[in-house]
Amino acid sequence: MELKAAMSRQLPAPKHTPPMPTEISAALDDIRLDLTKGGVLHDTASLLESLYLISDHDPQHYGIADAHMSRISACHDDLEKKFPGWEDRLAGARYETVESILKDVLRRPEKDEATFSDRIDAVLLNPVFGFGIMLSAMVLLLYTIFALSEHRWAGSKVPLAGRETG
């Protein structure tokens, strides 16, 4: 969105430049010059603007004249002929950059320590012991419910179905 706003309002392009393979970057620079000469882009346009135009991220190309669309399509087709799968290579370069940053930043412990919750799960979700523990919990729950209800009704004068009150 920031790039689209910069293109429509002639604001300076974002300062961050995503990583690109050198040959694709050079081809995009040629495309940028071609689109600038054709009046599609401004003289101050960055590589990202030409990349945005020739990629299919905005299929409607809102606000771009039909006369310019043929030039944009031709640039896209030329780049696809020179570098088949160029968009995948760009995405791959970005993922490689993210992975290299994460290697520097992310630290994992040498040994995974089991948390208290992990230890409880190991017992309660055990196929043998877990079933026995669940069965014991259900018996205890039902026993408690019936014991409390029996105690509650024991002092009552209300007759229960099938029981005689004394």
Protein backbone atom coordinates (compact mmCIF):
# COMPACT_ATOMS: atom_id res chain seq x y z
CA MET A 1 0.00 0.00 0.00
CA GLU A 2 2.87 2.33 0.80
CA LEU A 3 4.35 1.83 -2.66
CA LYS A 4 1.02 2.35 -4.40
CA ALA A 5 0.51 5.60 -2.45
CA ALA A 6 4.00 6.74 -3.38
CA MET A 7 3.30 6.02 -7.05
CA SER A 8 -0.02 7.86 -7.10
CA ARG A 9 1.08 10.92 -5.11
CA GLN A 10 4.64 11.20 -6.37
CA LEU A 11 5.99 10.67 -2.86
CA PRO A 12 9.48 9.33 -2.34
CA ALA A 13 9.63 5.56 -2.67
CA PRO A 14 10.18 3.44 0.46
CA LYS A 15 13.80 3.31 1.57
CA HIS A 16 13.86 -0.45 2.00
CA THR A 17 14.92 -2.38 -1.07
CA PRO A 18 14.15 -6.08 -0.99
CA PRO A 19 16.92 -8.49 -1.92
CA MET A 20 17.06 -9.38 -5.61
CA PRO A 21 19.28 -11.57 -7.73
CA THR A 22 21.71 -9.34 -9.62
CA GLU A 23 20.61 -10.31 -13.13
CA ILE A 24 16.93 -9.76 -12.33
CA SER A 25 17.74 -6.45 -10.69
CA ALA A 26 19.59 -5.34 -13.84
CA ALA A 27 16.66 -6.44 -16.04
CA LEU A 28 14.22 -4.55 -13.80
CA ASP A 29 16.40 -1.47 -14.07
CA ASP A 30 16.22 -1.73 -17.86
CA ILE A 31 12.44 -2.10 -17.62
CA ARG A 32 12.28 0.93 -15.33
CA LEU A 33 14.20 2.98 -17.90
CA ASP A 34 11.95 1.70 -20.72
CA LEU A 35 8.79 2.54 -18.77
CA THR A 36 10.19 5.94 -17.86
CA LYS A 37 10.94 6.73 -21.52
CA GLY A 38 7.43 5.61 -22.45
CA GLY A 39 5.89 7.96 -19.89
CA VAL A 40 4.51 5.16 -17.73
CA LEU A 41 6.73 6.00 -14.75
CA HIS A 42 8.24 9.23 -13.42
CA ASP A 43 11.94 9.94 -13.74
CA THR A 44 12.37 9.41 -10.00
CA ALA A 45 10.69 5.98 -10.02
CA SER A 46 12.41 3.22 -8.10
CA LEU A 47 12.96 -0.38 -9.08
CA LEU A 48 10.07 -1.38 -6.84
CA GLU A 49 7.62 0.65 -8.89
CA SER A 50 8.54 -1.10 -12.11
CA LEU A 51 8.41 -4.44 -10.29
CA TYR A 52 4.95 -3.62 -8.98
CA LEU A 53 3.66 -2.66 -12.41
CA ILE A 54 4.90 -5.74 -14.27
CA SER A 55 3.94 -8.23 -11.58
CA ASP A 56 0.35 -9.39 -11.34
CA HIS A 57 -0.27 -8.04 -7.84
CA ASP A 58 -2.76 -5.46 -9.10
CA PRO A 59 -4.68 -7.10 -11.96
CA GLN A 60 -6.94 -4.07 -12.59
CA HIS A 61 -4.03 -1.63 -12.82
CA TYR A 62 -6.39 1.09 -11.63
CA GLY A 63 -5.44 4.54 -12.88
CA ILE A 64 -3.08 3.36 -15.63
CA ALA A 65 -3.96 4.36 -19.18
CA ASP A 66 -4.73 1.58 -21.66
CA ALA A 67 -1.95 2.86 -23.91
CA HIS A 68 0.58 2.15 -21.16
CA MET A 69 -0.81 -1.30 -20.42
CA SER A 70 0.53 -2.74 -23.68
CA ARG A 71 4.03 -1.52 -22.82
CA ILE A 72 3.76 -2.95 -19.29
CA SER A 73 2.57 -6.31 -20.67
CA ALA A 74 5.41 -6.37 -23.20
CA CYS A 75 7.95 -5.71 -20.43
CA HIS A 76 6.45 -8.51 -18.35
CA ASP A 77 6.60 -10.94 -21.27
CA ASP A 78 10.20 -10.00 -22.10
CA LEU A 79 11.29 -10.55 -18.51
CA GLU A 80 9.49 -13.88 -18.42
CA LYS A 81 11.29 -14.96 -21.61
CA LYS A 82 14.72 -13.92 -20.30
CA PHE A 83 14.23 -15.33 -16.80
CA PRO A 84 11.52 -18.00 -16.62
CA GLY A 85 10.15 -18.15 -13.08
CA TRP A 86 11.66 -14.79 -12.13
CA GLU A 87 8.98 -14.11 -9.52
CA ASP A 88 9.78 -17.39 -7.77
CA ARG A 89 13.45 -16.48 -7.74
CA LEU A 90 12.62 -13.11 -6.16
CA ALA A 91 10.51 -14.82 -3.50
CA GLY A 92 13.31 -17.34 -2.89
CA ALA A 93 15.83 -14.53 -2.40
CA ARG A 94 13.54 -12.92 0.16
CA TYR A 95 13.13 -16.18 2.06
CA GLU A 96 16.91 -16.70 2.07
CA THR A 97 17.36 -13.20 3.50
CA VAL A 98 14.77 -13.81 6.20
CA GLU A 99 16.42 -17.13 7.11
CA SER A 100 19.85 -15.49 7.37
CA ILE A 101 18.43 -12.77 9.63
CA LEU A 102 16.69 -15.38 11.78
CA LYS A 103 19.92 -17.37 12.15
CA ASP A 104 21.55 -14.27 13.63
CA VAL A 105 18.63 -13.32 15.86
CA LEU A 106 16.86 -16.51 16.89
CA ARG A 107 18.45 -18.61 19.61
CA ARG A 108 17.09 -22.03 20.47
CA PRO A 109 18.02 -23.90 23.63
CA GLU A 110 20.41 -26.81 23.21
CA LYS A 111 18.03 -29.16 24.99
CA ASP A 112 14.25 -28.94 25.02
CA GLU A 113 13.09 -28.94 28.61
CA ALA A 114 9.67 -30.39 29.29
CA THR A 115 7.34 -27.91 30.96
CA PHE A 116 4.98 -28.83 33.78
CA SER A 117 2.14 -28.99 31.27
CA ASP A 118 4.15 -31.33 29.03
CA ARG A 119 4.75 -33.72 31.95
CA ILE A 120 1.05 -33.73 32.88
CA ASP A 121 0.11 -34.35 29.22
CA ALA A 122 2.52 -37.28 29.05
CA VAL A 123 0.67 -39.00 31.89
CA LEU A 124 -2.92 -38.03 31.12
CA LEU A 125 -2.67 -38.71 27.39
CA ASN A 126 -0.94 -42.06 27.85
CA PRO A 127 -3.00 -44.74 26.04
CA VAL A 128 -3.04 -47.06 29.08
CA PHE A 129 -2.76 -44.90 32.19
CA GLY A 130 -4.72 -42.00 30.67
CA PHE A 131 -7.79 -44.17 30.18
CA GLY A 132 -7.61 -45.43 33.77
CA ILE A 133 -7.22 -41.90 35.13
CA MET A 134 -10.19 -40.67 33.05
CA LEU A 135 -12.32 -43.60 34.19
CA SER A 136 -11.42 -42.94 37.84
CA ALA A 137 -12.26 -39.25 37.44
CA MET A 138 -15.68 -40.09 35.92
CA VAL A 139 -16.48 -42.58 38.72
CA LEU A 140 -15.45 -40.03 41.36
CA LEU A 141 -17.54 -37.32 39.67
CA LEU A 142 -20.66 -39.49 39.43
CA TYR A 143 -20.23 -40.79 42.99
CA THR A 144 -19.93 -37.21 44.27
CA ILE A 145 -23.04 -36.09 42.38
CA PHE A 146 -25.18 -38.97 43.66
CA ALA A 147 -23.81 -38.80 47.22
CA LEU A 148 -24.57 -35.08 47.46
CA SER A 149 -28.02 -35.47 45.97
CA GLU A 150 -28.82 -38.36 48.35
CA HIS A 151 -27.73 -36.23 51.28
CA ARG A 152 -29.82 -33.30 50.03
CA TRP A 153 -32.98 -35.36 49.62
CA ALA A 154 -32.52 -37.33 52.85
CA GLY A 155 -33.83 -34.49 55.03
CA SER A 156 -36.67 -33.58 52.68
CA LYS A 157 -40.33 -34.50 53.14
CA VAL A 158 -40.89 -34.54 49.35
CA PRO A 159 -41.58 -38.08 48.13
CA LEU A 160 -39.37 -39.33 45.35
CA ALA A 161 -40.68 -41.53 42.58
CA GLY A 162 -40.58 -45.15 43.69
CA ARG A 163 -39.53 -44.36 47.26
CA GLU A 164 -41.49 -44.24 50.39
CA THR A 165 -40.82 -41.48 52.90
CA GLY A 166 -40.84 -42.46 56.50
